[in-house]
Amino acid sequence: MLKDDESHPVTFAFMGHSVTAYPTFILVDGVKISRSQLTFSFQLALAKAMRESEENGRAEGQ
C-alpha cells in the first residue's frame, strides 16, 4: 500500500483557496488537515468541487 505522500494528489480551487487532496488528508493553502476532522457535508462539497474542476479541465483540453 502506498503512503499518502507517494500517491498522486489532486489539486483544485475551492472557495478561493488552493486545495490538494490525498487519500487521508487534504492541504488547504498549505495547511494539512486530516479528513477524519472534516464533516461529511464539507467532504461532499470538496468532492463536488473536485469533480467540477476535473470536468472543466477535460472540456478545456478538447
N, C-alpha and C. Protein backbone atom coordinates (compact mmCIF):
# COMPACT_ATOMS: atom_id res chain seq x y z
N MET A 1 0.84 -1.19 0.00
CA MET A 1 0.00 0.00 0.00
C MET A 1 0.89 1.24 0.00
N LEU A 2 0.49 2.23 -0.76
CA LEU A 2 1.27 3.46 -0.86
C LEU A 2 1.04 4.37 0.34
N LYS A 3 2.08 5.08 0.71
CA LYS A 3 1.93 6.10 1.73
C LYS A 3 1.25 7.30 1.09
N ASP A 4 0.66 8.18 1.91
CA ASP A 4 -0.05 9.34 1.39
C ASP A 4 0.82 10.19 0.47
N ASP A 5 2.07 10.41 0.85
CA ASP A 5 2.95 11.27 0.07
C ASP A 5 3.35 10.65 -1.26
N GLU A 6 3.20 9.32 -1.42
CA GLU A 6 3.58 8.65 -2.66
C GLU A 6 2.43 8.57 -3.66
N SER A 7 1.21 8.79 -3.22
CA SER A 7 0.08 8.72 -4.13
C SER A 7 -0.02 10.02 -4.93
N HIS A 8 -0.79 9.98 -5.98
CA HIS A 8 -0.92 11.15 -6.84
C HIS A 8 -1.99 12.08 -6.29
N PRO A 9 -1.63 13.25 -5.84
CA PRO A 9 -2.62 14.18 -5.30
C PRO A 9 -3.43 14.85 -6.39
N VAL A 10 -4.59 15.35 -6.02
CA VAL A 10 -5.44 16.11 -6.92
C VAL A 10 -5.50 17.53 -6.38
N THR A 11 -5.17 18.51 -7.22
CA THR A 11 -5.18 19.91 -6.80
C THR A 11 -6.28 20.65 -7.54
N PHE A 12 -7.05 21.46 -6.81
CA PHE A 12 -8.14 22.22 -7.40
C PHE A 12 -8.44 23.42 -6.53
N ALA A 13 -9.22 24.35 -7.08
CA ALA A 13 -9.61 25.55 -6.33
C ALA A 13 -10.95 25.29 -5.64
N PHE A 14 -11.09 25.79 -4.41
CA PHE A 14 -12.33 25.64 -3.66
C PHE A 14 -12.55 26.90 -2.83
N MET A 15 -13.60 27.63 -3.16
CA MET A 15 -13.97 28.85 -2.43
C MET A 15 -12.78 29.81 -2.30
N GLY A 16 -12.03 29.96 -3.38
CA GLY A 16 -10.91 30.89 -3.39
C GLY A 16 -9.64 30.37 -2.75
N HIS A 17 -9.60 29.09 -2.40
CA HIS A 17 -8.42 28.50 -1.77
C HIS A 17 -7.87 27.38 -2.64
N SER A 18 -6.57 27.16 -2.56
CA SER A 18 -5.93 26.06 -3.25
C SER A 18 -6.03 24.81 -2.37
N VAL A 19 -6.62 23.74 -2.91
CA VAL A 19 -6.81 22.50 -2.16
C VAL A 19 -6.08 21.37 -2.88
N THR A 20 -5.30 20.60 -2.14
CA THR A 20 -4.65 19.41 -2.66
C THR A 20 -5.15 18.23 -1.84
N ALA A 21 -5.78 17.27 -2.51
CA ALA A 21 -6.41 16.14 -1.82
C ALA A 21 -5.55 14.89 -1.94
N TYR A 22 -5.26 14.29 -0.80
CA TYR A 22 -4.59 13.00 -0.68
C TYR A 22 -5.61 12.02 -0.10
N PRO A 23 -5.33 10.71 -0.10
CA PRO A 23 -6.31 9.75 0.41
C PRO A 23 -6.77 9.98 1.85
N THR A 24 -5.88 10.38 2.76
CA THR A 24 -6.27 10.52 4.17
C THR A 24 -6.19 11.93 4.71
N PHE A 25 -5.70 12.87 3.93
CA PHE A 25 -5.65 14.25 4.39
C PHE A 25 -5.74 15.20 3.20
N ILE A 26 -6.00 16.47 3.49
CA ILE A 26 -6.02 17.50 2.46
C ILE A 26 -5.12 18.64 2.90
N LEU A 27 -4.63 19.38 1.92
CA LEU A 27 -3.89 20.61 2.19
C LEU A 27 -4.74 21.76 1.69
N VAL A 28 -5.05 22.70 2.55
CA VAL A 28 -5.79 23.90 2.17
C VAL A 28 -4.85 25.07 2.37
N ASP A 29 -4.43 25.67 1.27
CA ASP A 29 -3.44 26.76 1.31
C ASP A 29 -2.21 26.36 2.12
N GLY A 30 -1.78 25.11 1.98
CA GLY A 30 -0.57 24.63 2.65
C GLY A 30 -0.77 24.12 4.06
N VAL A 31 -1.99 24.16 4.59
CA VAL A 31 -2.28 23.68 5.94
C VAL A 31 -2.83 22.26 5.84
N LYS A 32 -2.17 21.31 6.52
CA LYS A 32 -2.57 19.90 6.47
C LYS A 32 -3.74 19.66 7.42
N ILE A 33 -4.81 19.04 6.89
CA ILE A 33 -6.00 18.74 7.68
C ILE A 33 -6.37 17.28 7.44
N SER A 34 -6.54 16.52 8.51
CA SER A 34 -6.94 15.13 8.41
C SER A 34 -8.39 15.06 7.94
N ARG A 35 -8.68 14.14 7.03
CA ARG A 35 -10.06 14.00 6.54
C ARG A 35 -11.02 13.61 7.67
N SER A 36 -10.51 12.90 8.68
CA SER A 36 -11.38 12.49 9.78
C SER A 36 -11.86 13.69 10.60
N GLN A 37 -11.19 14.82 10.48
CA GLN A 37 -11.59 16.03 11.20
C GLN A 37 -12.64 16.84 10.45
N LEU A 38 -12.94 16.45 9.21
CA LEU A 38 -13.89 17.20 8.39
C LEU A 38 -15.28 16.58 8.48
N THR A 39 -16.30 17.42 8.44
CA THR A 39 -17.66 16.91 8.45
C THR A 39 -17.97 16.25 7.10
N PHE A 40 -18.98 15.40 7.10
CA PHE A 40 -19.38 14.74 5.86
C PHE A 40 -19.80 15.76 4.82
N SER A 41 -20.55 16.77 5.23
CA SER A 41 -21.04 17.76 4.27
C SER A 41 -19.89 18.54 3.64
N PHE A 42 -18.84 18.84 4.42
CA PHE A 42 -17.70 19.55 3.87
C PHE A 42 -16.93 18.65 2.90
N GLN A 43 -16.78 17.36 3.24
CA GLN A 43 -16.12 16.43 2.33
C GLN A 43 -16.91 16.29 1.03
N LEU A 44 -18.24 16.29 1.13
CA LEU A 44 -19.08 16.21 -0.06
C LEU A 44 -18.91 17.46 -0.92
N ALA A 45 -18.86 18.63 -0.31
CA ALA A 45 -18.64 19.87 -1.06
C ALA A 45 -17.28 19.86 -1.75
N LEU A 46 -16.26 19.35 -1.07
CA LEU A 46 -14.93 19.23 -1.69
C LEU A 46 -14.97 18.27 -2.88
N ALA A 47 -15.67 17.15 -2.73
CA ALA A 47 -15.76 16.17 -3.81
C ALA A 47 -16.46 16.77 -5.03
N LYS A 48 -17.51 17.54 -4.80
CA LYS A 48 -18.21 18.19 -5.91
C LYS A 48 -17.30 19.19 -6.61
N ALA A 49 -16.56 19.98 -5.84
CA ALA A 49 -15.64 20.96 -6.42
C ALA A 49 -14.53 20.26 -7.21
N MET A 50 -14.05 19.13 -6.70
CA MET A 50 -13.01 18.38 -7.39
C MET A 50 -13.55 17.83 -8.71
N ARG A 51 -14.75 17.31 -8.69
CA ARG A 51 -15.36 16.77 -9.91
C ARG A 51 -15.57 17.87 -10.95
N GLU A 52 -16.06 19.04 -10.51
CA GLU A 52 -16.25 20.16 -11.43
C GLU A 52 -14.92 20.61 -12.03
N SER A 53 -13.89 20.63 -11.21
CA SER A 53 -12.56 21.01 -11.69
C SER A 53 -12.06 20.03 -12.75
N GLU A 54 -12.26 18.74 -12.51
CA GLU A 54 -11.84 17.72 -13.48
C GLU A 54 -12.64 17.85 -14.77
N GLU A 55 -13.96 18.10 -14.67
CA GLU A 55 -14.79 18.24 -15.86
C GLU A 55 -14.39 19.48 -16.65
N ASN A 56 -14.09 20.58 -15.97
CA ASN A 56 -13.65 21.79 -16.66
C ASN A 56 -12.31 21.58 -17.34
N GLY A 57 -11.43 20.83 -16.71
CA GLY A 57 -10.13 20.53 -17.30
C GLY A 57 -10.26 19.69 -18.56
N ARG A 58 -11.18 18.73 -18.55
CA ARG A 58 -11.41 17.91 -19.74
C ARG A 58 -12.03 18.73 -20.85
N ALA A 59 -12.95 19.63 -20.51
CA ALA A 59 -13.61 20.45 -21.52
C ALA A 59 -12.61 21.41 -22.17
N GLU A 60 -11.69 21.96 -21.39
CA GLU A 60 -10.70 22.88 -21.93
C GLU A 60 -9.68 22.15 -22.79
N GLY A 61 -9.43 20.89 -22.49
CA GLY A 61 -8.44 20.12 -23.23
C GLY A 61 -8.93 19.61 -24.57
N GLN A 62 -10.22 19.70 -24.84
CA GLN A 62 -10.78 19.17 -26.09
C GLN A 62 -10.67 20.15 -27.21
